[in-house]
């Protein structure tokens, strides 16, 4: 599985119904699980982003489809970052000339 960091901001629609946000998070977990992925961590944050999710997905296509699916609901906007674990980081850096 590949790890992704998903940065989320509420849209105007999403913040107006923020009390429903926990239910939407549960629904998003289910959607990702049905796609073969999972949430590893979730955080409400202060600063530039409203929330951060650490997710795993089988591949980039699943991660993209998940982010696009969230966008179609109209409650959040996402930015998705592919994350390389430390071992992969060390391996990549080790290949530099």
PDB file of N, CA and C in Angstrom:
ATOM      1  N   UNK A   1       0.850  -1.188   0.000  1.00  0.00           N
ATOM      2  CA  UNK A   1       0.000   0.000   0.000  1.00  0.00           C
ATOM      3  C   UNK A   1       0.890   1.245   0.000  1.00  0.00           C
ATOM      4  N   UNK A   2       0.395   2.254  -0.651  1.00  0.00           N
ATOM      5  CA  UNK A   2       1.086   3.543  -0.698  1.00  0.00           C
ATOM      6  C   UNK A   2       0.406   4.494   0.274  1.00  0.00           C
ATOM      7  N   UNK A   3       1.208   5.321   0.929  1.00  0.00           N
ATOM      8  CA  UNK A   3       0.685   6.290   1.895  1.00  0.00           C
ATOM      9  C   UNK A   3       0.491   7.637   1.213  1.00  0.00           C
ATOM     10  N   UNK A   4      -0.603   8.300   1.581  1.00  0.00           N
ATOM     11  CA  UNK A   4      -0.930   9.626   1.056  1.00  0.00           C
ATOM     12  C   UNK A   4      -1.304  10.534   2.214  1.00  0.00           C
ATOM     13  N   UNK A   5      -0.841  11.775   2.142  1.00  0.00           N
ATOM     14  CA  UNK A   5      -1.239  12.807   3.091  1.00  0.00           C
ATOM     15  C   UNK A   5      -2.283  13.651   2.368  1.00  0.00           C
ATOM     16  N   UNK A   6      -3.477  13.705   2.930  1.00  0.00           N
ATOM     17  CA  UNK A   6      -4.572  14.450   2.303  1.00  0.00           C
ATOM     18  C   UNK A   6      -4.843  15.687   3.151  1.00  0.00           C
ATOM     19  N   UNK A   7      -4.651  16.844   2.552  1.00  0.00           N
ATOM     20  CA  UNK A   7      -4.902  18.129   3.208  1.00  0.00           C
ATOM     21  C   UNK A   7      -6.295  18.586   2.796  1.00  0.00           C
ATOM     22  N   UNK A   8      -7.123  18.936   3.762  1.00  0.00           N
ATOM     23  CA  UNK A   8      -8.518  19.253   3.460  1.00  0.00           C
ATOM     24  C   UNK A   8      -8.919  20.611   4.005  1.00  0.00           C
ATOM     25  N   UNK A   9      -9.731  21.302   3.237  1.00  0.00           N
ATOM     26  CA  UNK A   9     -10.372  22.544   3.668  1.00  0.00           C
ATOM     27  C   UNK A   9     -11.862  22.434   3.409  1.00  0.00           C
ATOM     28  N   UNK A  10     -12.643  22.916   4.359  1.00  0.00           N
ATOM     29  CA  UNK A  10     -14.081  22.948   4.150  1.00  0.00           C
ATOM     30  C   UNK A  10     -14.419  23.973   3.078  1.00  0.00           C
ATOM     31  N   UNK A  11     -15.400  23.673   2.266  1.00  0.00           N
ATOM     32  CA  UNK A  11     -15.978  24.643   1.347  1.00  0.00           C
ATOM     33  C   UNK A  11     -17.012  25.448   2.141  1.00  0.00           C
ATOM     34  N   UNK A  12     -17.606  26.449   1.508  1.00  0.00           N
ATOM     35  CA  UNK A  12     -18.683  27.192   2.180  1.00  0.00           C
ATOM     36  C   UNK A  12     -19.811  26.244   2.572  1.00  0.00           C
ATOM     37  N   UNK A  13     -20.152  25.334   1.681  1.00  0.00           N
ATOM     38  CA  UNK A  13     -21.196  24.346   1.977  1.00  0.00           C
ATOM     39  C   UNK A  13     -20.795  23.465   3.169  1.00  0.00           C
ATOM     40  N   UNK A  14     -19.540  23.034   3.193  1.00  0.00           N
ATOM     41  CA  UNK A  14     -19.076  22.148   4.251  1.00  0.00           C
ATOM     42  C   UNK A  14     -19.059  22.794   5.614  1.00  0.00           C
ATOM     43  N   UNK A  15     -18.657  24.056   5.692  1.00  0.00           N
ATOM     44  CA  UNK A  15     -18.597  24.717   6.998  1.00  0.00           C
ATOM     45  C   UNK A  15     -19.994  25.074   7.497  1.00  0.00           C
ATOM     46  N   UNK A  16     -20.916  25.335   6.574  1.00  0.00           N
ATOM     47  CA  UNK A  16     -22.286  25.638   7.001  1.00  0.00           C
ATOM     48  C   UNK A  16     -22.929  24.440   7.694  1.00  0.00           C
ATOM     49  N   UNK A  17     -22.507  23.245   7.297  1.00  0.00           N
ATOM     50  CA  UNK A  17     -23.061  22.034   7.907  1.00  0.00           C
ATOM     51  C   UNK A  17     -21.981  21.264   8.667  1.00  0.00           C
ATOM     52  N   UNK A  18     -21.113  22.005   9.355  1.00  0.00           N
ATOM     53  CA  UNK A  18     -19.958  21.402  10.027  1.00  0.00           C
ATOM     54  C   UNK A  18     -20.376  20.381  11.095  1.00  0.00           C
ATOM     55  N   UNK A  19     -21.550  20.535  11.661  1.00  0.00           N
ATOM     56  CA  UNK A  19     -22.007  19.578  12.671  1.00  0.00           C
ATOM     57  C   UNK A  19     -22.186  18.179  12.092  1.00  0.00           C
ATOM     58  N   UNK A  20     -22.349  18.123  10.775  1.00  0.00           N
ATOM     59  CA  UNK A  20     -22.494  16.829  10.086  1.00  0.00           C
ATOM     60  C   UNK A  20     -21.133  16.253   9.671  1.00  0.00           C
ATOM     61  N   UNK A  21     -20.067  16.992   9.916  1.00  0.00           N
ATOM     62  CA  UNK A  21     -18.745  16.583   9.464  1.00  0.00           C
ATOM     63  C   UNK A  21     -18.311  15.207   9.985  1.00  0.00           C
ATOM     64  N   UNK A  22     -18.549  14.861  11.257  1.00  0.00           N
ATOM     65  CA  UNK A  22     -18.160  13.515  11.701  1.00  0.00           C
ATOM     66  C   UNK A  22     -18.859  12.396  10.912  1.00  0.00           C
ATOM     67  N   UNK A  23     -20.112  12.601  10.559  1.00  0.00           N
ATOM     68  CA  UNK A  23     -20.820  11.604   9.749  1.00  0.00           C
ATOM     69  C   UNK A  23     -20.206  11.524   8.351  1.00  0.00           C
ATOM     70  N   UNK A  24     -19.804  12.668   7.824  1.00  0.00           N
ATOM     71  CA  UNK A  24     -19.179  12.672   6.499  1.00  0.00           C
ATOM     72  C   UNK A  24     -17.825  11.969   6.545  1.00  0.00           C
ATOM     73  N   UNK A  25     -17.087  12.155   7.644  1.00  0.00           N
ATOM     74  CA  UNK A  25     -15.814  11.452   7.802  1.00  0.00           C
ATOM     75  C   UNK A  25     -16.039   9.945   7.819  1.00  0.00           C
ATOM     76  N   UNK A  26     -17.044   9.494   8.555  1.00  0.00           N
ATOM     77  CA  UNK A  26     -17.355   8.060   8.583  1.00  0.00           C
ATOM     78  C   UNK A  26     -17.697   7.549   7.190  1.00  0.00           C
ATOM     79  N   UNK A  27     -18.446   8.332   6.439  1.00  0.00           N
ATOM     80  CA  UNK A  27     -18.815   7.943   5.068  1.00  0.00           C
ATOM     81  C   UNK A  27     -17.574   7.892   4.173  1.00  0.00           C
ATOM     82  N   UNK A  28     -16.660   8.857   4.342  1.00  0.00           N
ATOM     83  CA  UNK A  28     -15.435   8.872   3.545  1.00  0.00           C
ATOM     84  C   UNK A  28     -14.575   7.649   3.858  1.00  0.00           C
ATOM     85  N   UNK A  29     -14.499   7.279   5.125  1.00  0.00           N
ATOM     86  CA  UNK A  29     -13.761   6.058   5.503  1.00  0.00           C
ATOM     87  C   UNK A  29     -14.319   4.851   4.756  1.00  0.00           C
ATOM     88  N   UNK A  30     -15.631   4.751   4.723  1.00  0.00           N
ATOM     89  CA  UNK A  30     -16.286   3.624   4.062  1.00  0.00           C
ATOM     90  C   UNK A  30     -15.984   3.622   2.567  1.00  0.00           C
ATOM     91  N   UNK A  31     -16.057   4.801   1.936  1.00  0.00           N
ATOM     92  CA  UNK A  31     -15.767   4.912   0.504  1.00  0.00           C
ATOM     93  C   UNK A  31     -14.349   4.439   0.219  1.00  0.00           C
ATOM     94  N   UNK A  32     -13.390   4.901   1.001  1.00  0.00           N
ATOM     95  CA  UNK A  32     -11.998   4.511   0.764  1.00  0.00           C
ATOM     96  C   UNK A  32     -11.808   3.017   1.004  1.00  0.00           C
ATOM     97  N   UNK A  33     -12.435   2.480   2.031  1.00  0.00           N
ATOM     98  CA  UNK A  33     -12.338   1.045   2.289  1.00  0.00           C
ATOM     99  C   UNK A  33     -12.899   0.245   1.123  1.00  0.00           C
ATOM    100  N   UNK A  34     -14.004   0.704   0.548  1.00  0.00           N
ATOM    101  CA  UNK A  34     -14.593   0.019  -0.605  1.00  0.00           C
ATOM    102  C   UNK A  34     -13.676   0.066  -1.824  1.00  0.00           C
ATOM    103  N   UNK A  35     -12.791   1.064  -1.860  1.00  0.00           N
ATOM    104  CA  UNK A  35     -11.819   1.180  -2.953  1.00  0.00           C
ATOM    105  C   UNK A  35     -10.541   0.394  -2.660  1.00  0.00           C
ATOM    106  N   UNK A  36     -10.476  -0.231  -1.492  1.00  0.00           N
ATOM    107  CA  UNK A  36      -9.303  -1.024  -1.136  1.00  0.00           C
ATOM    108  C   UNK A  36      -8.283  -0.301  -0.285  1.00  0.00           C
ATOM    109  N   UNK A  37      -8.617   0.895   0.192  1.00  0.00           N
ATOM    110  CA  UNK A  37      -7.695   1.687   1.012  1.00  0.00           C
ATOM    111  C   UNK A  37      -8.179   1.815   2.435  1.00  0.00           C
ATOM    112  N   UNK A  38      -7.503   2.687   3.197  1.00  0.00           N
ATOM    113  CA  UNK A  38      -7.898   2.905   4.590  1.00  0.00           C
ATOM    114  C   UNK A  38      -7.340   4.221   5.109  1.00  0.00           C
ATOM    115  N   UNK A  39      -7.997   4.731   6.140  1.00  0.00           N
ATOM    116  CA  UNK A  39      -7.489   5.882   6.883  1.00  0.00           C
ATOM    117  C   UNK A  39      -6.562   5.345   7.969  1.00  0.00           C
ATOM    118  N   UNK A  40      -5.394   5.931   8.106  1.00  0.00           N
ATOM    119  CA  UNK A  40      -4.478   5.563   9.184  1.00  0.00           C
ATOM    120  C   UNK A  40      -4.582   6.547  10.346  1.00  0.00           C
ATOM    121  N   UNK A  41      -4.745   7.818  10.030  1.00  0.00           N
ATOM    122  CA  UNK A  41      -4.895   8.870  11.045  1.00  0.00           C
ATOM    123  C   UNK A  41      -5.735   9.989  10.463  1.00  0.00           C
ATOM    124  N   UNK A  42      -6.354  10.751  11.352  1.00  0.00           N
ATOM    125  CA  UNK A  42      -7.139  11.911  10.941  1.00  0.00           C
ATOM    126  C   UNK A  42      -6.975  12.975  12.010  1.00  0.00           C
ATOM    127  N   UNK A  43      -6.795  14.222  11.590  1.00  0.00           N
ATOM    128  CA  UNK A  43      -6.587  15.333  12.512  1.00  0.00           C
ATOM    129  C   UNK A  43      -7.411  16.551  12.102  1.00  0.00           C
ATOM    130  N   UNK A  44      -8.033  17.191  13.067  1.00  0.00           N
ATOM    131  CA  UNK A  44      -8.557  18.537  12.895  1.00  0.00           C
ATOM    132  C   UNK A  44      -7.361  19.438  13.146  1.00  0.00           C
ATOM    133  N   UNK A  45      -7.125  20.405  12.268  1.00  0.00           N
ATOM    134  CA  UNK A  45      -5.926  21.233  12.405  1.00  0.00           C
ATOM    135  C   UNK A  45      -6.273  22.713  12.427  1.00  0.00           C
ATOM    136  N   UNK A  46      -5.336  23.488  12.912  1.00  0.00           N
ATOM    137  CA  UNK A  46      -5.460  24.941  12.909  1.00  0.00           C
ATOM    138  C   UNK A  46      -4.367  25.462  11.989  1.00  0.00           C
ATOM    139  N   UNK A  47      -4.704  26.435  11.179  1.00  0.00           N
ATOM    140  CA  UNK A  47      -3.729  26.971  10.242  1.00  0.00           C
ATOM    141  C   UNK A  47      -4.296  26.971   8.839  1.00  0.00           C
ATOM    142  N   UNK A  48      -3.439  26.722   7.863  1.00  0.00           N
ATOM    143  CA  UNK A  48      -3.836  26.812   6.462  1.00  0.00           C
ATOM    144  C   UNK A  48      -4.868  25.750   6.066  1.00  0.00           C
ATOM    145  N   UNK A  49      -4.820  24.597   6.710  1.00  0.00           N
ATOM    146  CA  UNK A  49      -5.755  23.512   6.388  1.00  0.00           C
ATOM    147  C   UNK A  49      -6.634  23.211   7.592  1.00  0.00           C
ATOM    148  N   UNK A  50      -7.872  22.824   7.312  1.00  0.00           N
ATOM    149  CA  UNK A  50      -8.827  22.520   8.377  1.00  0.00           C
ATOM    150  C   UNK A  50      -8.645  21.122   8.940  1.00  0.00           C
ATOM    151  N   UNK A  51      -8.224  20.190   8.080  1.00  0.00           N
ATOM    152  CA  UNK A  51      -8.063  18.802   8.490  1.00  0.00           C
ATOM    153  C   UNK A  51      -6.914  18.176   7.712  1.00  0.00           C
ATOM    154  N   UNK A  52      -6.337  17.115   8.285  1.00  0.00           N
ATOM    155  CA  UNK A  52      -5.304  16.337   7.615  1.00  0.00           C
ATOM    156  C   UNK A  52      -5.635  14.868   7.825  1.00  0.00           C
ATOM    157  N   UNK A  53      -5.594  14.102   6.753  1.00  0.00           N
ATOM    158  CA  UNK A  53      -5.807  12.659   6.843  1.00  0.00           C
ATOM    159  C   UNK A  53      -4.578  11.944   6.302  1.00  0.00           C
ATOM    160  N   UNK A  54      -4.188  10.890   6.986  1.00  0.00           N
ATOM    161  CA  UNK A  54      -3.131  10.016   6.502  1.00  0.00           C
ATOM    162  C   UNK A  54      -3.843   8.755   6.030  1.00  0.00           C
ATOM    163  N   UNK A  55      -3.733   8.491   4.744  1.00  0.00           N
ATOM    164  CA  UNK A  55      -4.480   7.380   4.144  1.00  0.00           C
ATOM    165  C   UNK A  55      -3.531   6.439   3.413  1.00  0.00           C
ATOM    166  N   UNK A  56      -3.997   5.219   3.211  1.00  0.00           N
ATOM    167  CA  UNK A  56      -3.293   4.265   2.376  1.00  0.00           C
ATOM    168  C   UNK A  56      -4.226   3.832   1.262  1.00  0.00           C
ATOM    169  N   UNK A  57      -3.652   3.655   0.075  1.00  0.00           N
ATOM    170  CA  UNK A  57      -4.413   3.190  -1.078  1.00  0.00           C
ATOM    171  C   UNK A  57      -3.523   2.250  -1.884  1.00  0.00           C
ATOM    172  N   UNK A  58      -4.139   1.353  -2.642  1.00  0.00           N
ATOM    173  CA  UNK A  58      -3.346   0.410  -3.428  1.00  0.00           C
ATOM    174  C   UNK A  58      -2.465   1.069  -4.489  1.00  0.00           C
ATOM    175  N   UNK A  59      -2.908   2.218  -5.026  1.00  0.00           N
ATOM    176  CA  UNK A  59      -2.115   2.884  -6.067  1.00  0.00           C
ATOM    177  C   UNK A  59      -2.602   4.328  -6.240  1.00  0.00           C
ATOM    178  N   UNK A  60      -1.898   5.058  -7.090  1.00  0.00           N
ATOM    179  CA  UNK A  60      -2.215   6.469  -7.314  1.00  0.00           C
ATOM    180  C   UNK A  60      -3.606   6.655  -7.911  1.00  0.00           C
ATOM    181  N   UNK A  61      -4.042   5.732  -8.760  1.00  0.00           N
ATOM    182  CA  UNK A  61      -5.360   5.863  -9.374  1.00  0.00           C
ATOM    183  C   UNK A  61      -6.463   5.811  -8.323  1.00  0.00           C
ATOM    184  N   UNK A  62      -6.327   4.925  -7.355  1.00  0.00           N
ATOM    185  CA  UNK A  62      -7.325   4.832  -6.279  1.00  0.00           C
ATOM    186  C   UNK A  62      -7.302   6.108  -5.444  1.00  0.00           C
ATOM    187  N   UNK A  63      -6.109   6.600  -5.120  1.00  0.00           N
ATOM    188  CA  UNK A  63      -6.006   7.838  -4.338  1.00  0.00           C
ATOM    189  C   UNK A  63      -6.651   9.005  -5.085  1.00  0.00           C
ATOM    190  N   UNK A  64      -6.420   9.084  -6.385  1.00  0.00           N
ATOM    191  CA  UNK A  64      -7.012  10.161  -7.181  1.00  0.00           C
ATOM    192  C   UNK A  64      -8.527  10.021  -7.236  1.00  0.00           C
ATOM    193  N   UNK A  65      -8.999   8.807  -7.455  1.00  0.00           N
ATOM    194  CA  UNK A  65     -10.453   8.581  -7.512  1.00  0.00           C
ATOM    195  C   UNK A  65     -11.104   8.931  -6.175  1.00  0.00           C
ATOM    196  N   UNK A  66     -10.435   8.602  -5.055  1.00  0.00           N
ATOM    197  CA  UNK A  66     -10.962   8.936  -3.739  1.00  0.00           C
ATOM    198  C   UNK A  66     -11.058  10.445  -3.558  1.00  0.00           C
ATOM    199  N   UNK A  67      -9.999  11.172  -3.888  1.00  0.00           N
ATOM    200  CA  UNK A  67     -10.008  12.634  -3.756  1.00  0.00           C
ATOM    201  C   UNK A  67     -11.078  13.269  -4.639  1.00  0.00           C
ATOM    202  N   UNK A  68     -11.197  12.769  -5.852  1.00  0.00           N
ATOM    203  CA  UNK A  68     -12.226  13.295  -6.758  1.00  0.00           C
ATOM    204  C   UNK A  68     -13.630  13.001  -6.226  1.00  0.00           C
ATOM    205  N   UNK A  69     -13.812  11.820  -5.674  1.00  0.00           N
ATOM    206  CA  UNK A  69     -15.114  11.472  -5.099  1.00  0.00           C
ATOM    207  C   UNK A  69     -15.462  12.411  -3.959  1.00  0.00           C
ATOM    208  N   UNK A  70     -14.502  12.678  -3.075  1.00  0.00           N
ATOM    209  CA  UNK A  70     -14.764  13.629  -1.987  1.00  0.00           C
ATOM    210  C   UNK A  70     -15.168  14.990  -2.541  1.00  0.00           C
ATOM    211  N   UNK A  71     -14.482  15.425  -3.584  1.00  0.00           N
ATOM    212  CA  UNK A  71     -14.785  16.714  -4.190  1.00  0.00           C
ATOM    213  C   UNK A  71     -16.190  16.805  -4.742  1.00  0.00           C
ATOM    214  N   UNK A  72     -16.701  15.694  -5.267  1.00  0.00           N
ATOM    215  CA  UNK A  72     -18.046  15.726  -5.846  1.00  0.00           C
ATOM    216  C   UNK A  72     -19.131  15.952  -4.802  1.00  0.00           C
ATOM    217  N   UNK A  73     -18.841  15.667  -3.545  1.00  0.00           N
ATOM    218  CA  UNK A  73     -19.834  15.874  -2.487  1.00  0.00           C
ATOM    219  C   UNK A  73     -19.999  17.359  -2.145  1.00  0.00           C
ATOM    220  N   UNK A  74     -18.966  18.165  -2.461  1.00  0.00           N
ATOM    221  CA  UNK A  74     -19.073  19.606  -2.299  1.00  0.00           C
ATOM    222  C   UNK A  74     -18.760  20.160  -0.919  1.00  0.00           C
ATOM    223  N   UNK A  75     -18.303  19.323   0.003  1.00  0.00           N
ATOM    224  CA  UNK A  75     -18.057  19.788   1.371  1.00  0.00           C
ATOM    225  C   UNK A  75     -16.601  20.122   1.668  1.00  0.00           C
ATOM    226  N   UNK A  76     -15.682  19.546   0.896  1.00  0.00           N
ATOM    227  CA  UNK A  76     -14.255  19.797   1.119  1.00  0.00           C
ATOM    228  C   UNK A  76     -13.531  19.934  -0.208  1.00  0.00           C
ATOM    229  N   UNK A  77     -12.387  20.608  -0.136  1.00  0.00           N
ATOM    230  CA  UNK A  77     -11.419  20.635  -1.220  1.00  0.00           C
ATOM    231  C   UNK A  77     -10.186  19.927  -0.686  1.00  0.00           C
ATOM    232  N   UNK A  78      -9.539  19.163  -1.555  1.00  0.00           N
ATOM    233  CA  UNK A  78      -8.396  18.378  -1.089  1.00  0.00           C
ATOM    234  C   UNK A  78      -7.125  18.711  -1.856  1.00  0.00           C
ATOM    235  N   UNK A  79      -6.021  18.438  -1.202  1.00  0.00           N
ATOM    236  CA  UNK A  79      -4.693  18.400  -1.824  1.00  0.00           C
ATOM    237  C   UNK A  79      -4.091  17.095  -1.337  1.00  0.00           C
ATOM    238  N   UNK A  80      -3.663  16.276  -2.265  1.00  0.00           N
ATOM    239  CA  UNK A  80      -3.158  14.963  -1.901  1.00  0.00           C
ATOM    240  C   UNK A  80      -1.674  14.869  -2.220  1.00  0.00           C
ATOM    241  N   UNK A  81      -0.914  14.430  -1.235  1.00  0.00           N
ATOM    242  CA  UNK A  81       0.531  14.279  -1.365  1.00  0.00           C
ATOM    243  C   UNK A  81       0.892  12.804  -1.239  1.00  0.00           C
ATOM    244  N   UNK A  82       1.663  12.301  -2.178  1.00  0.00           N
ATOM    245  CA  UNK A  82       2.160  10.938  -2.058  1.00  0.00           C
ATOM    246  C   UNK A  82       3.322  10.962  -1.080  1.00  0.00           C
ATOM    247  N   UNK A  83       3.306  10.056  -0.122  1.00  0.00           N
ATOM    248  CA  UNK A  83       4.320  10.055   0.930  1.00  0.00           C
ATOM    249  C   UNK A  83       5.215   8.821   0.806  1.00  0.00           C
ATOM    250  N   UNK A  84       6.511   9.039   0.884  1.00  0.00           N
ATOM    251  CA  UNK A  84       7.478   7.953   0.850  1.00  0.00           C
ATOM    252  C   UNK A  84       7.968   7.684   2.275  1.00  0.00           C
ATOM    253  N   UNK A  85       7.909   6.443   2.739  1.00  0.00           N
ATOM    254  CA  UNK A  85       8.397   6.146   4.088  1.00  0.00           C
ATOM    255  C   UNK A  85       9.915   6.331   4.167  1.00  0.00           C
ATOM    256  N   UNK A  86      10.431   6.357   5.380  1.00  0.00           N
ATOM    257  CA  UNK A  86      11.858   6.639   5.576  1.00  0.00           C
ATOM    258  C   UNK A  86      12.751   5.675   4.806  1.00  0.00           C
ATOM    259  N   UNK A  87      12.424   4.412   4.781  1.00  0.00           N
ATOM    260  CA  UNK A  87      13.262   3.442   4.065  1.00  0.00           C
ATOM    261  C   UNK A  87      13.340   3.778   2.577  1.00  0.00           C
ATOM    262  N   UNK A  88      12.223   4.142   1.982  1.00  0.00           N
ATOM    263  CA  UNK A  88      12.217   4.516   0.569  1.00  0.00           C
ATOM    264  C   UNK A  88      12.991   5.817   0.350  1.00  0.00           C
ATOM    265  N   UNK A  89      12.823   6.750   1.270  1.00  0.00           N
ATOM    266  CA  UNK A  89      13.581   8.014   1.209  1.00  0.00           C
ATOM    267  C   UNK A  89      15.078   7.729   1.189  1.00  0.00           C
ATOM    268  N   UNK A  90      15.528   6.890   2.110  1.00  0.00           N
ATOM    269  CA  UNK A  90      16.957   6.580   2.192  1.00  0.00           C
ATOM    270  C   UNK A  90      17.443   5.880   0.922  1.00  0.00           C
ATOM    271  N   UNK A  91      16.630   4.988   0.384  1.00  0.00           N
ATOM    272  CA  UNK A  91      16.981   4.296  -0.837  1.00  0.00           C
ATOM    273  C   UNK A  91      17.084   5.269  -2.011  1.00  0.00           C
ATOM    274  N   UNK A  92      16.115   6.173  -2.130  1.00  0.00           N
ATOM    275  CA  UNK A  92      16.144   7.161  -3.211  1.00  0.00           C
ATOM    276  C   UNK A  92      17.360   8.066  -3.119  1.00  0.00           C
ATOM    277  N   UNK A  93      17.640   8.543  -1.916  1.00  0.00           N
ATOM    278  CA  UNK A  93      18.785   9.435  -1.734  1.00  0.00           C
ATOM    279  C   UNK A  93      20.086   8.671  -2.018  1.00  0.00           C
ATOM    280  N   UNK A  94      20.121   7.400  -1.656  1.00  0.00           N
ATOM    281  CA  UNK A  94      21.295   6.589  -1.882  1.00  0.00           C
ATOM    282  C   UNK A  94      21.630   6.378  -3.358  1.00  0.00           C
ATOM    283  N   UNK A  95      20.649   6.550  -4.227  1.00  0.00           N
ATOM    284  CA  UNK A  95      20.887   6.347  -5.660  1.00  0.00           C
ATOM    285  C   UNK A  95      21.410   7.600  -6.349  1.00  0.00           C
ATOM    286  N   UNK A  96      21.469   8.711  -5.628  1.00  0.00           N
ATOM    287  CA  UNK A  96      21.963   9.953  -6.244  1.00  0.00           C
ATOM    288  C   UNK A  96      23.453   9.858  -6.478  1.00  0.00           C
ATOM    289  N   UNK A  97      23.894  10.399  -7.595  1.00  0.00           N
ATOM    290  CA  UNK A  97      25.313  10.339  -7.957  1.00  0.00           C
ATOM    291  C   UNK A  97      26.160  11.350  -7.278  1.00  0.00           C
TER     292      UNK A  97
END
